[in-house]
Amino acid sequence: MYPAPLDSPTRPAAHRAALAAVLFGVPSVLLLLLVEFEWGPLISLDEDISRTTHRWAVADPGVTRASRILTDWVWDPWTMRALCAVVVIWLAVRGARWLALWLAGTCLVASAVQQSLKAAVDRPRPVWPDPVDSAHYAAFPSGHAMTAAVVCGLLLWLMRLHGAGRAPWRAAVALAVLSVAGVGLTRVWLGVHWPTDVLGGWLLGALTVALAVATYTRGPGSRTDQRIT
């Protein structure tokens, strides 16, 4: 079974990816600046939402316990990276070596950018007198949210690129939306991230995917990896 080829020529696909990069890039930079300079209204909104969700988390230990399982195991960044690694190996075995390298490289770059931004912004995490969970390193952006957005976005694009059927595509989209949204909500619910940390992770993850797709459609892989056997 052969996948659907890339847009021919690839310029329209690259143009759409570049446009998506701009659409996600502008709010990403704006949010980063607002967080870095501690814009009052944004900080107040973060604190109000976080206080409310933390109060709910303390009052509902069942949901909190489920959130910890989901965020620490199902949607953990290492779980997402392991999923990506399986797909990388699958692509390489089937001869799509450039595509496998592109996928692995994008995930590595995303991790490096995420950690660099955490160190540069150095935003403290929420602190509670009665915490329901704990986390390490700086808060912005949320690593869980960004990793989920990058991995799910890349895998959805690969499915579309290689002609996934309607039913598998819809199921994958539903799982991706659930994972990306769910992991962000659990991080806020557990009181280890401010809401804007999660929003920043989502935006930066989407920006990473858009830039990666633009790079791929202009590279040699758009011609050499047309089919996966």
C-alpha atoms as a PDB file:
ATOM      1  CA  MET A   1       0.000   0.000   0.000  1.00  0.00           C
ATOM      2  CA  TYR A   2       1.487   3.343  -1.052  1.00  0.00           C
ATOM      3  CA  PRO A   3       0.898   6.651   0.679  1.00  0.00           C
ATOM      4  CA  ALA A   4      -0.393   9.758  -0.923  1.00  0.00           C
ATOM      5  CA  PRO A   5       2.526  11.837  -2.222  1.00  0.00           C
ATOM      6  CA  LEU A   6       3.376  15.257  -0.961  1.00  0.00           C
ATOM      7  CA  ASP A   7       1.827  18.239  -2.651  1.00  0.00           C
ATOM      8  CA  SER A   8       3.302  18.532  -6.111  1.00  0.00           C
ATOM      9  CA  PRO A   9       5.075  20.840  -6.316  1.00  0.00           C
ATOM     10  CA  THR A  10       5.991  21.051  -2.617  1.00  0.00           C
ATOM     11  CA  ARG A  11       5.885  24.857  -2.546  1.00  0.00           C
ATOM     12  CA  PRO A  12       2.195  25.086  -1.527  1.00  0.00           C
ATOM     13  CA  ALA A  13       2.812  22.765   1.441  1.00  0.00           C
ATOM     14  CA  ALA A  14       5.859  24.787   2.459  1.00  0.00           C
ATOM     15  CA  HIS A  15       3.857  28.008   2.137  1.00  0.00           C
ATOM     16  CA  ARG A  16       1.101  26.697   4.404  1.00  0.00           C
ATOM     17  CA  ALA A  17       3.644  25.531   6.972  1.00  0.00           C
ATOM     18  CA  ALA A  18       5.373  28.922   6.904  1.00  0.00           C
ATOM     19  CA  LEU A  19       2.042  30.675   7.385  1.00  0.00           C
ATOM     20  CA  ALA A  20       1.245  28.403  10.332  1.00  0.00           C
ATOM     21  CA  ALA A  21       4.659  29.205  11.810  1.00  0.00           C
ATOM     22  CA  VAL A  22       3.841  32.917  11.700  1.00  0.00           C
ATOM     23  CA  LEU A  23       0.392  32.376  13.211  1.00  0.00           C
ATOM     24  CA  PHE A  24       1.847  30.403  16.122  1.00  0.00           C
ATOM     25  CA  GLY A  25       5.094  32.341  16.347  1.00  0.00           C
ATOM     26  CA  VAL A  26       3.589  35.772  17.004  1.00  0.00           C
ATOM     27  CA  PRO A  27       1.508  34.763  20.056  1.00  0.00           C
ATOM     28  CA  SER A  28       4.384  32.585  21.303  1.00  0.00           C
ATOM     29  CA  VAL A  29       6.780  35.539  21.359  1.00  0.00           C
ATOM     30  CA  LEU A  30       4.132  37.864  22.817  1.00  0.00           C
ATOM     31  CA  LEU A  31       3.322  35.447  25.641  1.00  0.00           C
ATOM     32  CA  LEU A  32       7.006  34.882  26.326  1.00  0.00           C
ATOM     33  CA  LEU A  33       7.581  38.630  26.690  1.00  0.00           C
ATOM     34  CA  LEU A  34       4.535  39.115  28.914  1.00  0.00           C
ATOM     35  CA  VAL A  35       5.702  36.315  31.208  1.00  0.00           C
ATOM     36  CA  GLU A  36       9.311  37.492  31.216  1.00  0.00           C
ATOM     37  CA  PHE A  37       8.336  41.046  32.139  1.00  0.00           C
ATOM     38  CA  GLU A  38       5.659  39.850  34.591  1.00  0.00           C
ATOM     39  CA  TRP A  39       2.778  41.791  33.094  1.00  0.00           C
ATOM     40  CA  GLY A  40       0.390  42.441  35.967  1.00  0.00           C
ATOM     41  CA  PRO A  41      -2.994  41.438  34.472  1.00  0.00           C
ATOM     42  CA  LEU A  42      -1.568  38.177  33.132  1.00  0.00           C
ATOM     43  CA  ILE A  43       0.085  37.278  36.432  1.00  0.00           C
ATOM     44  CA  SER A  44      -3.142  38.058  38.317  1.00  0.00           C
ATOM     45  CA  LEU A  45      -5.155  35.855  35.966  1.00  0.00           C
ATOM     46  CA  ASP A  46      -2.645  33.030  36.384  1.00  0.00           C
ATOM     47  CA  GLU A  47      -2.843  33.284  40.153  1.00  0.00           C
ATOM     48  CA  ASP A  48      -6.648  33.416  40.247  1.00  0.00           C
ATOM     49  CA  ILE A  49      -7.054  30.337  38.053  1.00  0.00           C
ATOM     50  CA  SER A  50      -4.344  28.432  39.905  1.00  0.00           C
ATOM     51  CA  ARG A  51      -5.823  29.156  43.336  1.00  0.00           C
ATOM     52  CA  THR A  52      -9.221  27.925  42.177  1.00  0.00           C
ATOM     53  CA  THR A  53      -7.947  24.719  40.566  1.00  0.00           C
ATOM     54  CA  HIS A  54      -5.702  23.963  43.535  1.00  0.00           C
ATOM     55  CA  ARG A  55      -8.656  24.287  45.874  1.00  0.00           C
ATOM     56  CA  TRP A  56     -10.568  21.814  43.694  1.00  0.00           C
ATOM     57  CA  ALA A  57      -7.588  19.428  43.602  1.00  0.00           C
ATOM     58  CA  VAL A  58      -7.322  19.371  47.382  1.00  0.00           C
ATOM     59  CA  ALA A  59     -11.061  18.810  47.746  1.00  0.00           C
ATOM     60  CA  ASP A  60     -11.240  15.970  45.181  1.00  0.00           C
ATOM     61  CA  PRO A  61      -8.416  13.456  45.844  1.00  0.00           C
ATOM     62  CA  GLY A  62      -9.867  10.925  43.390  1.00  0.00           C
ATOM     63  CA  VAL A  63      -9.527  13.230  40.387  1.00  0.00           C
ATOM     64  CA  THR A  64      -6.148  14.370  41.661  1.00  0.00           C
ATOM     65  CA  ARG A  65      -4.898  10.788  41.901  1.00  0.00           C
ATOM     66  CA  ALA A  66      -6.093  10.063  38.367  1.00  0.00           C
ATOM     67  CA  SER A  67      -4.421  13.250  37.135  1.00  0.00           C
ATOM     68  CA  ARG A  68      -1.111  12.179  38.632  1.00  0.00           C
ATOM     69  CA  ILE A  69      -1.292   8.795  36.916  1.00  0.00           C
ATOM     70  CA  LEU A  70      -2.099  10.380  33.565  1.00  0.00           C
ATOM     71  CA  THR A  71       0.545  13.099  33.776  1.00  0.00           C
ATOM     72  CA  ASP A  72       3.300  10.869  35.234  1.00  0.00           C
ATOM     73  CA  TRP A  73       2.792   7.809  33.021  1.00  0.00           C
ATOM     74  CA  VAL A  74       0.403   8.131  30.091  1.00  0.00           C
ATOM     75  CA  TRP A  75       1.271  11.690  29.003  1.00  0.00           C
ATOM     76  CA  ASP A  76       4.723  11.984  30.528  1.00  0.00           C
ATOM     77  CA  PRO A  77       7.327  13.525  28.156  1.00  0.00           C
ATOM     78  CA  TRP A  78       9.376  10.325  28.247  1.00  0.00           C
ATOM     79  CA  THR A  79       6.321   8.315  27.220  1.00  0.00           C
ATOM     80  CA  MET A  80       5.805  10.682  24.298  1.00  0.00           C
ATOM     81  CA  ARG A  81       9.480  10.474  23.337  1.00  0.00           C
ATOM     82  CA  ALA A  82       9.354   6.683  23.486  1.00  0.00           C
ATOM     83  CA  LEU A  83       6.377   6.725  21.117  1.00  0.00           C
ATOM     84  CA  CYS A  84       8.325   8.988  18.782  1.00  0.00           C
ATOM     85  CA  ALA A  85      11.354   6.670  18.974  1.00  0.00           C
ATOM     86  CA  VAL A  86       9.219   3.682  17.944  1.00  0.00           C
ATOM     87  CA  VAL A  87       7.987   5.582  14.884  1.00  0.00           C
ATOM     88  CA  VAL A  88      11.559   6.661  14.038  1.00  0.00           C
ATOM     89  CA  ILE A  89      12.704   3.020  14.075  1.00  0.00           C
ATOM     90  CA  TRP A  90       9.669   1.941  12.024  1.00  0.00           C
ATOM     91  CA  LEU A  91      10.417   4.567   9.381  1.00  0.00           C
ATOM     92  CA  ALA A  92      14.117   3.677   9.231  1.00  0.00           C
ATOM     93  CA  VAL A  93      13.406  -0.036   8.847  1.00  0.00           C
ATOM     94  CA  ARG A  94      11.101   0.697   5.917  1.00  0.00           C
ATOM     95  CA  GLY A  95      13.675   2.800   4.115  1.00  0.00           C
ATOM     96  CA  ALA A  96      12.405   6.297   4.913  1.00  0.00           C
ATOM     97  CA  ARG A  97      15.718   7.241   6.501  1.00  0.00           C
ATOM     98  CA  TRP A  98      15.543  10.968   5.841  1.00  0.00           C
ATOM     99  CA  LEU A  99      12.055  11.102   7.335  1.00  0.00           C
ATOM    100  CA  ALA A 100      13.233   9.124  10.382  1.00  0.00           C
ATOM    101  CA  LEU A 101      16.186  11.475  10.844  1.00  0.00           C
ATOM    102  CA  TRP A 102      13.938  14.509  10.450  1.00  0.00           C
ATOM    103  CA  LEU A 103      11.495  13.215  13.060  1.00  0.00           C
ATOM    104  CA  ALA A 104      14.209  12.355  15.574  1.00  0.00           C
ATOM    105  CA  GLY A 105      16.002  15.650  14.985  1.00  0.00           C
ATOM    106  CA  THR A 106      12.844  17.686  15.453  1.00  0.00           C
ATOM    107  CA  CYS A 107      12.105  16.033  18.796  1.00  0.00           C
ATOM    108  CA  LEU A 108      15.686  16.616  19.970  1.00  0.00           C
ATOM    109  CA  VAL A 109      15.599  20.267  18.926  1.00  0.00           C
ATOM    110  CA  ALA A 110      12.239  20.746  20.657  1.00  0.00           C
ATOM    111  CA  SER A 111      13.661  19.342  23.905  1.00  0.00           C
ATOM    112  CA  ALA A 112      16.714  21.602  23.663  1.00  0.00           C
ATOM    113  CA  VAL A 113      14.574  24.693  23.007  1.00  0.00           C
ATOM    114  CA  GLN A 114      12.262  23.816  25.873  1.00  0.00           C
ATOM    115  CA  GLN A 115      15.096  23.438  28.381  1.00  0.00           C
ATOM    116  CA  SER A 116      16.843  26.580  27.112  1.00  0.00           C
ATOM    117  CA  LEU A 117      13.685  28.656  27.539  1.00  0.00           C
ATOM    118  CA  LYS A 118      13.138  27.270  31.027  1.00  0.00           C
ATOM    119  CA  ALA A 119      16.656  28.327  31.991  1.00  0.00           C
ATOM    120  CA  ALA A 120      16.372  31.730  30.320  1.00  0.00           C
ATOM    121  CA  VAL A 121      12.965  32.699  31.732  1.00  0.00           C
ATOM    122  CA  ASP A 122      13.557  30.941  35.076  1.00  0.00           C
ATOM    123  CA  ARG A 123       9.962  31.356  36.168  1.00  0.00           C
ATOM    124  CA  PRO A 124       9.146  29.961  39.626  1.00  0.00           C
ATOM    125  CA  ARG A 125       6.472  27.298  39.866  1.00  0.00           C
ATOM    126  CA  PRO A 126       3.391  27.788  42.043  1.00  0.00           C
ATOM    127  CA  VAL A 127       4.014  27.205  45.751  1.00  0.00           C
ATOM    128  CA  TRP A 128       1.242  25.875  47.991  1.00  0.00           C
ATOM    129  CA  PRO A 129       1.041  25.247  51.752  1.00  0.00           C
ATOM    130  CA  ASP A 130      -0.746  21.967  50.987  1.00  0.00           C
ATOM    131  CA  PRO A 131       0.694  20.711  47.649  1.00  0.00           C
ATOM    132  CA  VAL A 132      -0.838  17.692  45.921  1.00  0.00           C
ATOM    133  CA  ASP A 133       2.167  17.094  43.646  1.00  0.00           C
ATOM    134  CA  SER A 134       5.680  18.354  42.995  1.00  0.00           C
ATOM    135  CA  ALA A 135       7.865  19.098  39.976  1.00  0.00           C
ATOM    136  CA  HIS A 136      11.406  20.211  39.230  1.00  0.00           C
ATOM    137  CA  TYR A 137      13.077  22.898  37.113  1.00  0.00           C
ATOM    138  CA  ALA A 138      11.585  26.217  36.053  1.00  0.00           C
ATOM    139  CA  ALA A 139       7.951  26.613  35.053  1.00  0.00           C
ATOM    140  CA  PHE A 140       7.823  28.272  31.616  1.00  0.00           C
ATOM    141  CA  PRO A 141       7.109  26.651  29.236  1.00  0.00           C
ATOM    142  CA  SER A 142       5.435  23.455  30.408  1.00  0.00           C
ATOM    143  CA  GLY A 143       7.578  20.576  29.182  1.00  0.00           C
ATOM    144  CA  HIS A 144       4.664  18.170  29.336  1.00  0.00           C
ATOM    145  CA  ALA A 145       2.457  20.426  27.200  1.00  0.00           C
ATOM    146  CA  MET A 146       5.153  21.268  24.660  1.00  0.00           C
ATOM    147  CA  THR A 147       6.339  17.678  24.238  1.00  0.00           C
ATOM    148  CA  ALA A 148       2.806  16.382  23.765  1.00  0.00           C
ATOM    149  CA  ALA A 149       2.048  19.078  21.197  1.00  0.00           C
ATOM    150  CA  VAL A 150       5.249  18.373  19.254  1.00  0.00           C
ATOM    151  CA  VAL A 151       4.970  14.585  19.206  1.00  0.00           C
ATOM    152  CA  CYS A 152       1.229  14.456  18.502  1.00  0.00           C
ATOM    153  CA  GLY A 153       1.495  17.168  15.860  1.00  0.00           C
ATOM    154  CA  LEU A 154       4.362  15.446  14.051  1.00  0.00           C
ATOM    155  CA  LEU A 155       2.695  12.042  14.108  1.00  0.00           C
ATOM    156  CA  LEU A 156      -0.581  13.471  12.792  1.00  0.00           C
ATOM    157  CA  TRP A 157       1.300  15.163   9.953  1.00  0.00           C
ATOM    158  CA  LEU A 158       3.057  11.893   9.119  1.00  0.00           C
ATOM    159  CA  MET A 159      -0.273  10.094   9.000  1.00  0.00           C
ATOM    160  CA  ARG A 160      -1.701  12.735   6.659  1.00  0.00           C
ATOM    161  CA  LEU A 161       1.455  12.682   4.541  1.00  0.00           C
ATOM    162  CA  HIS A 162       1.251   8.940   4.000  1.00  0.00           C
ATOM    163  CA  GLY A 163      -2.429   8.643   3.304  1.00  0.00           C
ATOM    164  CA  ALA A 164      -4.042   7.381   6.514  1.00  0.00           C
ATOM    165  CA  GLY A 165      -7.623   6.197   6.086  1.00  0.00           C
ATOM    166  CA  ARG A 166     -10.529   8.224   7.385  1.00  0.00           C
ATOM    167  CA  ALA A 167     -11.244   6.081  10.446  1.00  0.00           C
ATOM    168  CA  PRO A 168      -7.610   5.847  11.659  1.00  0.00           C
ATOM    169  CA  TRP A 169      -7.162   9.565  10.998  1.00  0.00           C
ATOM    170  CA  ARG A 170     -10.212  10.552  13.043  1.00  0.00           C
ATOM    171  CA  ALA A 171      -9.190   8.245  15.883  1.00  0.00           C
ATOM    172  CA  ALA A 172      -5.661   9.661  15.876  1.00  0.00           C
ATOM    173  CA  VAL A 173      -6.929  13.249  15.899  1.00  0.00           C
ATOM    174  CA  ALA A 174      -9.226  12.484  18.828  1.00  0.00           C
ATOM    175  CA  LEU A 175      -6.394  10.847  20.789  1.00  0.00           C
ATOM    176  CA  ALA A 176      -4.027  13.704  19.981  1.00  0.00           C
ATOM    177  CA  VAL A 177      -6.498  16.382  21.091  1.00  0.00           C
ATOM    178  CA  LEU A 178      -7.265  14.441  24.266  1.00  0.00           C
ATOM    179  CA  SER A 179      -3.567  13.997  25.047  1.00  0.00           C
ATOM    180  CA  VAL A 180      -2.460  17.560  24.352  1.00  0.00           C
ATOM    181  CA  ALA A 181      -5.405  19.163  26.131  1.00  0.00           C
ATOM    182  CA  GLY A 182      -5.455  16.589  28.915  1.00  0.00           C
ATOM    183  CA  VAL A 183      -1.803  16.860  29.874  1.00  0.00           C
ATOM    184  CA  GLY A 184      -2.070  20.641  30.060  1.00  0.00           C
ATOM    185  CA  LEU A 185      -5.110  20.507  32.294  1.00  0.00           C
ATOM    186  CA  THR A 186      -3.522  17.954  34.626  1.00  0.00           C
ATOM    187  CA  ARG A 187      -0.447  20.169  35.098  1.00  0.00           C
ATOM    188  CA  VAL A 188      -2.593  23.092  36.180  1.00  0.00           C
ATOM    189  CA  TRP A 189      -4.893  20.892  38.276  1.00  0.00           C
ATOM    190  CA  LEU A 190      -1.921  19.444  40.162  1.00  0.00           C
ATOM    191  CA  GLY A 191      -0.640  22.941  40.889  1.00  0.00           C
ATOM    192  CA  VAL A 192       2.798  22.466  39.308  1.00  0.00           C
ATOM    193  CA  HIS A 193       2.293  24.956  36.458  1.00  0.00           C
ATOM    194  CA  TRP A 194       0.640  28.303  35.882  1.00  0.00           C
ATOM    195  CA  PRO A 195      -1.965  28.266  33.083  1.00  0.00           C
ATOM    196  CA  THR A 196       0.263  30.415  30.872  1.00  0.00           C
ATOM    197  CA  ASP A 197       3.069  27.851  31.212  1.00  0.00           C
ATOM    198  CA  VAL A 198       0.765  25.341  29.571  1.00  0.00           C
ATOM    199  CA  LEU A 199      -0.438  27.807  26.953  1.00  0.00           C
ATOM    200  CA  GLY A 200       3.172  28.628  26.154  1.00  0.00           C
ATOM    201  CA  GLY A 201       3.970  24.928  25.798  1.00  0.00           C
ATOM    202  CA  TRP A 202       1.083  24.421  23.392  1.00  0.00           C
ATOM    203  CA  LEU A 203       1.999  27.445  21.264  1.00  0.00           C
ATOM    204  CA  LEU A 204       5.704  26.638  21.142  1.00  0.00           C
ATOM    205  CA  GLY A 205       4.951  23.006  20.349  1.00  0.00           C
ATOM    206  CA  ALA A 206       2.702  23.991  17.448  1.00  0.00           C
ATOM    207  CA  LEU A 207       5.344  26.466  16.243  1.00  0.00           C
ATOM    208  CA  THR A 208       7.986  23.723  16.323  1.00  0.00           C
ATOM    209  CA  VAL A 209       5.811  21.420  14.234  1.00  0.00           C
ATOM    210  CA  ALA A 210       5.075  24.144  11.684  1.00  0.00           C
ATOM    211  CA  LEU A 211       8.768  25.025  11.309  1.00  0.00           C
ATOM    212  CA  ALA A 212       9.726  21.355  11.052  1.00  0.00           C
ATOM    213  CA  VAL A 213       7.155  20.698   8.325  1.00  0.00           C
ATOM    214  CA  ALA A 214       8.365  23.759   6.406  1.00  0.00           C
ATOM    215  CA  THR A 215      11.919  22.442   6.664  1.00  0.00           C
ATOM    216  CA  TYR A 216      10.941  18.972   5.487  1.00  0.00           C
ATOM    217  CA  THR A 217       8.937  20.132   2.486  1.00  0.00           C
ATOM    218  CA  ARG A 218      11.925  22.144   1.265  1.00  0.00           C
ATOM    219  CA  GLY A 219      14.481  19.398   1.921  1.00  0.00           C
ATOM    220  CA  PRO A 220      15.586  16.295   0.025  1.00  0.00           C
ATOM    221  CA  GLY A 221      13.232  14.076   2.033  1.00  0.00           C
ATOM    222  CA  SER A 222      10.199  15.474   0.220  1.00  0.00           C
ATOM    223  CA  ARG A 223      11.499  13.709  -2.885  1.00  0.00           C
ATOM    224  CA  THR A 224      13.347  10.673  -1.510  1.00  0.00           C
ATOM    225  CA  ASP A 225      10.813   9.479   1.077  1.00  0.00           C
ATOM    226  CA  GLN A 226       7.709   9.530  -1.087  1.00  0.00           C
ATOM    227  CA  ARG A 227       6.741   5.959  -0.236  1.00  0.00           C
ATOM    228  CA  ILE A 228       6.914   3.721   2.774  1.00  0.00           C
ATOM    229  CA  THR A 229       6.752   0.051   1.898  1.00  0.00           C
END
